[in-house]
Amino acid sequence: MATVEDVHALALAMPHVTVVRGERAQNPVYQVGGKSFVFFRTPRPDAFDPETGERYDDVIVLWCPPEEKEALLQDESSPFFTTPHFDGHPSVLVRASRLDEISREELAEIIQDAWLSRASKTRGRLWLQENQAGA
């Protein structure tokens, strides 16, 4: 089972990562080459509990290729979701409170793909060479 601590550890384990803080809430934003690939979102009106109307305060944004986004969203039982605000955006959303519904290995793969989608081609190629050699 994955945890929010795993999100932080896996994102930080990728090379050339910096962490910046959001202006208002100081939420962590993980970046590679100045480009965000994982960030903890502040409560927004587009992500809310349909029963209470309360805004979710634990949404994590993960960059991903469009085809991966479609695959993650196809399974309705999956904890991944999107909102109209993210239509056409290469990312998926997940609530920290639902991370336990996926394995740490699945989360690692998603975070690695997020990093690869934002890293330079050279960094991505080098990382893939180093990590596929050991696989």
C-alpha atoms as a PDB file:
ATOM      1  CA  MET A   1       0.000   0.000   0.000  1.00  0.00           C
ATOM      2  CA  ALA A   2       1.284   3.433  -0.951  1.00  0.00           C
ATOM      3  CA  THR A   3       1.377   6.390   1.439  1.00  0.00           C
ATOM      4  CA  VAL A   4       1.869  10.125   1.166  1.00  0.00           C
ATOM      5  CA  GLU A   5       5.346   9.604   2.618  1.00  0.00           C
ATOM      6  CA  ASP A   6       6.050   7.371  -0.372  1.00  0.00           C
ATOM      7  CA  VAL A   7       5.083  10.210  -2.728  1.00  0.00           C
ATOM      8  CA  HIS A   8       7.677  12.464  -1.104  1.00  0.00           C
ATOM      9  CA  ALA A   9      10.385   9.777  -0.962  1.00  0.00           C
ATOM     10  CA  LEU A  10       9.851   8.579  -4.536  1.00  0.00           C
ATOM     11  CA  ALA A  11       9.792  12.089  -5.987  1.00  0.00           C
ATOM     12  CA  LEU A  12      12.963  13.042  -4.090  1.00  0.00           C
ATOM     13  CA  ALA A  13      14.680   9.838  -5.225  1.00  0.00           C
ATOM     14  CA  MET A  14      14.619  10.973  -8.844  1.00  0.00           C
ATOM     15  CA  PRO A  15      17.753  12.812 -10.057  1.00  0.00           C
ATOM     16  CA  HIS A  16      18.034  16.593 -10.337  1.00  0.00           C
ATOM     17  CA  VAL A  17      14.908  17.203  -8.266  1.00  0.00           C
ATOM     18  CA  THR A  18      14.273  20.443  -6.478  1.00  0.00           C
ATOM     19  CA  VAL A  19      11.430  21.206  -4.112  1.00  0.00           C
ATOM     20  CA  VAL A  20       9.770  24.581  -4.158  1.00  0.00           C
ATOM     21  CA  ARG A  21       6.894  25.680  -1.969  1.00  0.00           C
ATOM     22  CA  GLY A  22       3.569  27.054  -3.122  1.00  0.00           C
ATOM     23  CA  GLU A  23       3.122  30.764  -2.477  1.00  0.00           C
ATOM     24  CA  ARG A  24       0.065  30.627  -0.225  1.00  0.00           C
ATOM     25  CA  ALA A  25      -0.042  27.223   1.426  1.00  0.00           C
ATOM     26  CA  GLN A  26       3.637  26.293   1.168  1.00  0.00           C
ATOM     27  CA  ASN A  27       2.653  22.932  -0.360  1.00  0.00           C
ATOM     28  CA  PRO A  28       5.610  21.021  -1.826  1.00  0.00           C
ATOM     29  CA  VAL A  29       6.110  21.149  -5.586  1.00  0.00           C
ATOM     30  CA  TYR A  30       8.641  18.662  -6.990  1.00  0.00           C
ATOM     31  CA  GLN A  31      10.435  19.892 -10.091  1.00  0.00           C
ATOM     32  CA  VAL A  32      13.070  18.743 -12.543  1.00  0.00           C
ATOM     33  CA  GLY A  33      14.743  21.386 -14.654  1.00  0.00           C
ATOM     34  CA  GLY A  34      12.298  23.975 -13.314  1.00  0.00           C
ATOM     35  CA  LYS A  35       9.281  21.929 -14.460  1.00  0.00           C
ATOM     36  CA  SER A  36       6.792  20.533 -11.954  1.00  0.00           C
ATOM     37  CA  PHE A  37       6.089  16.805 -12.083  1.00  0.00           C
ATOM     38  CA  VAL A  38       4.374  16.211  -8.709  1.00  0.00           C
ATOM     39  CA  PHE A  39       2.672  18.767  -6.537  1.00  0.00           C
ATOM     40  CA  PHE A  40       0.349  18.947  -3.587  1.00  0.00           C
ATOM     41  CA  ARG A  41      -2.569  21.133  -4.492  1.00  0.00           C
ATOM     42  CA  THR A  42      -4.417  23.554  -2.267  1.00  0.00           C
ATOM     43  CA  PRO A  43      -8.188  23.079  -1.955  1.00  0.00           C
ATOM     44  CA  ARG A  44      -9.883  24.323  -5.124  1.00  0.00           C
ATOM     45  CA  PRO A  45     -13.547  24.562  -6.150  1.00  0.00           C
ATOM     46  CA  ASP A  46     -13.170  21.963  -8.925  1.00  0.00           C
ATOM     47  CA  ALA A  47     -12.269  19.041  -6.602  1.00  0.00           C
ATOM     48  CA  PHE A  48     -14.856  18.489  -3.907  1.00  0.00           C
ATOM     49  CA  ASP A  49     -16.861  15.879  -2.050  1.00  0.00           C
ATOM     50  CA  PRO A  50     -20.084  15.411  -4.029  1.00  0.00           C
ATOM     51  CA  GLU A  51     -22.067  14.697  -0.851  1.00  0.00           C
ATOM     52  CA  THR A  52     -20.907  17.590   1.328  1.00  0.00           C
ATOM     53  CA  GLY A  53     -19.570  20.065  -1.226  1.00  0.00           C
ATOM     54  CA  GLU A  54     -16.423  20.370   0.890  1.00  0.00           C
ATOM     55  CA  ARG A  55     -13.243  20.972  -1.126  1.00  0.00           C
ATOM     56  CA  TYR A  56     -10.690  18.186  -1.027  1.00  0.00           C
ATOM     57  CA  ASP A  57      -7.606  19.282   0.905  1.00  0.00           C
ATOM     58  CA  ASP A  58      -5.400  16.332  -0.054  1.00  0.00           C
ATOM     59  CA  VAL A  59      -5.181  16.389  -3.866  1.00  0.00           C
ATOM     60  CA  ILE A  60      -1.872  15.449  -5.484  1.00  0.00           C
ATOM     61  CA  VAL A  61      -1.205  16.285  -9.139  1.00  0.00           C
ATOM     62  CA  LEU A  62       0.974  13.844 -11.107  1.00  0.00           C
ATOM     63  CA  TRP A  63       2.115  14.610 -14.654  1.00  0.00           C
ATOM     64  CA  CYS A  64       1.665  11.784 -17.141  1.00  0.00           C
ATOM     65  CA  PRO A  65       1.481  11.181 -20.868  1.00  0.00           C
ATOM     66  CA  PRO A  66      -2.070  11.518 -22.275  1.00  0.00           C
ATOM     67  CA  GLU A  67      -2.349   7.789 -23.061  1.00  0.00           C
ATOM     68  CA  GLU A  68      -1.381   6.927 -19.484  1.00  0.00           C
ATOM     69  CA  LYS A  69      -3.925   9.420 -18.162  1.00  0.00           C
ATOM     70  CA  GLU A  70      -6.645   7.683 -20.162  1.00  0.00           C
ATOM     71  CA  ALA A  71      -5.573   4.273 -18.872  1.00  0.00           C
ATOM     72  CA  LEU A  72      -5.507   5.434 -15.240  1.00  0.00           C
ATOM     73  CA  LEU A  73      -8.933   7.052 -15.536  1.00  0.00           C
ATOM     74  CA  GLN A  74     -10.610   4.126 -17.327  1.00  0.00           C
ATOM     75  CA  ASP A  75     -10.855   1.997 -14.203  1.00  0.00           C
ATOM     76  CA  GLU A  76     -13.642   3.592 -12.172  1.00  0.00           C
ATOM     77  CA  SER A  77     -12.494   1.810  -9.009  1.00  0.00           C
ATOM     78  CA  SER A  78      -9.052   3.443  -9.290  1.00  0.00           C
ATOM     79  CA  PRO A  79      -8.259   6.340  -6.938  1.00  0.00           C
ATOM     80  CA  PHE A  80      -7.129   8.493  -9.887  1.00  0.00           C
ATOM     81  CA  PHE A  81      -9.433  11.173 -11.189  1.00  0.00           C
ATOM     82  CA  THR A  82      -9.526  14.439 -13.067  1.00  0.00           C
ATOM     83  CA  THR A  83     -11.697  17.538 -13.151  1.00  0.00           C
ATOM     84  CA  PRO A  84     -12.772  19.783 -16.028  1.00  0.00           C
ATOM     85  CA  HIS A  85     -10.011  22.189 -14.980  1.00  0.00           C
ATOM     86  CA  PHE A  86      -7.496  19.509 -16.048  1.00  0.00           C
ATOM     87  CA  ASP A  87      -9.165  18.569 -19.348  1.00  0.00           C
ATOM     88  CA  GLY A  88      -6.421  18.415 -21.954  1.00  0.00           C
ATOM     89  CA  HIS A  89      -3.719  18.702 -19.283  1.00  0.00           C
ATOM     90  CA  PRO A  90      -1.168  15.856 -19.147  1.00  0.00           C
ATOM     91  CA  SER A  91      -1.777  14.975 -15.511  1.00  0.00           C
ATOM     92  CA  VAL A  92      -3.975  12.962 -13.182  1.00  0.00           C
ATOM     93  CA  LEU A  93      -5.151  13.717  -9.688  1.00  0.00           C
ATOM     94  CA  VAL A  94      -5.212  11.448  -6.673  1.00  0.00           C
ATOM     95  CA  ARG A  95      -6.280  12.088  -3.111  1.00  0.00           C
ATOM     96  CA  ALA A  96      -3.641  11.318  -0.491  1.00  0.00           C
ATOM     97  CA  SER A  97      -6.364   9.616   1.541  1.00  0.00           C
ATOM     98  CA  ARG A  98      -6.808   7.030  -1.256  1.00  0.00           C
ATOM     99  CA  LEU A  99      -3.145   6.196  -1.911  1.00  0.00           C
ATOM    100  CA  ASP A 100      -3.528   3.008   0.122  1.00  0.00           C
ATOM    101  CA  GLU A 101      -5.618   1.643  -2.762  1.00  0.00           C
ATOM    102  CA  ILE A 102      -2.500   1.257  -4.929  1.00  0.00           C
ATOM    103  CA  SER A 103       0.822  -0.453  -4.353  1.00  0.00           C
ATOM    104  CA  ARG A 104       4.041   1.405  -3.683  1.00  0.00           C
ATOM    105  CA  GLU A 105       5.393  -0.166  -6.893  1.00  0.00           C
ATOM    106  CA  GLU A 106       2.526   1.272  -8.973  1.00  0.00           C
ATOM    107  CA  LEU A 107       3.030   4.683  -7.363  1.00  0.00           C
ATOM    108  CA  ALA A 108       6.781   4.484  -8.084  1.00  0.00           C
ATOM    109  CA  GLU A 109       6.094   3.764 -11.751  1.00  0.00           C
ATOM    110  CA  ILE A 110       3.654   6.682 -12.005  1.00  0.00           C
ATOM    111  CA  ILE A 111       6.084   9.097 -10.320  1.00  0.00           C
ATOM    112  CA  GLN A 112       8.964   7.894 -12.506  1.00  0.00           C
ATOM    113  CA  ASP A 113       6.793   8.430 -15.592  1.00  0.00           C
ATOM    114  CA  ALA A 114       5.856  11.885 -14.274  1.00  0.00           C
ATOM    115  CA  TRP A 115       9.549  12.743 -13.898  1.00  0.00           C
ATOM    116  CA  LEU A 116      10.359  11.360 -17.358  1.00  0.00           C
ATOM    117  CA  SER A 117       7.574  13.427 -18.915  1.00  0.00           C
ATOM    118  CA  ARG A 118       9.119  16.636 -17.552  1.00  0.00           C
ATOM    119  CA  ALA A 119      12.868  15.941 -17.528  1.00  0.00           C
ATOM    120  CA  SER A 120      15.056  16.903 -20.461  1.00  0.00           C
ATOM    121  CA  LYS A 121      15.492  14.240 -23.126  1.00  0.00           C
ATOM    122  CA  THR A 122      19.136  13.799 -22.113  1.00  0.00           C
ATOM    123  CA  ARG A 123      18.339  13.348 -18.413  1.00  0.00           C
ATOM    124  CA  GLY A 124      15.496  10.995 -19.242  1.00  0.00           C
ATOM    125  CA  ARG A 125      17.625   8.894 -21.592  1.00  0.00           C
ATOM    126  CA  LEU A 126      20.452   8.637 -19.038  1.00  0.00           C
ATOM    127  CA  TRP A 127      18.066   7.685 -16.240  1.00  0.00           C
ATOM    128  CA  LEU A 128      16.421   5.021 -18.403  1.00  0.00           C
ATOM    129  CA  GLN A 129      19.815   3.588 -19.417  1.00  0.00           C
ATOM    130  CA  GLU A 130      20.976   3.411 -15.796  1.00  0.00           C
ATOM    131  CA  ASN A 131      17.740   1.913 -14.498  1.00  0.00           C
ATOM    132  CA  GLN A 132      17.035  -0.546 -17.282  1.00  0.00           C
ATOM    133  CA  ALA A 133      20.550  -1.955 -17.034  1.00  0.00           C
ATOM    134  CA  GLY A 134      19.850  -3.043 -13.463  1.00  0.00           C
ATOM    135  CA  ALA A 135      16.374  -4.423 -14.218  1.00  0.00           C
END
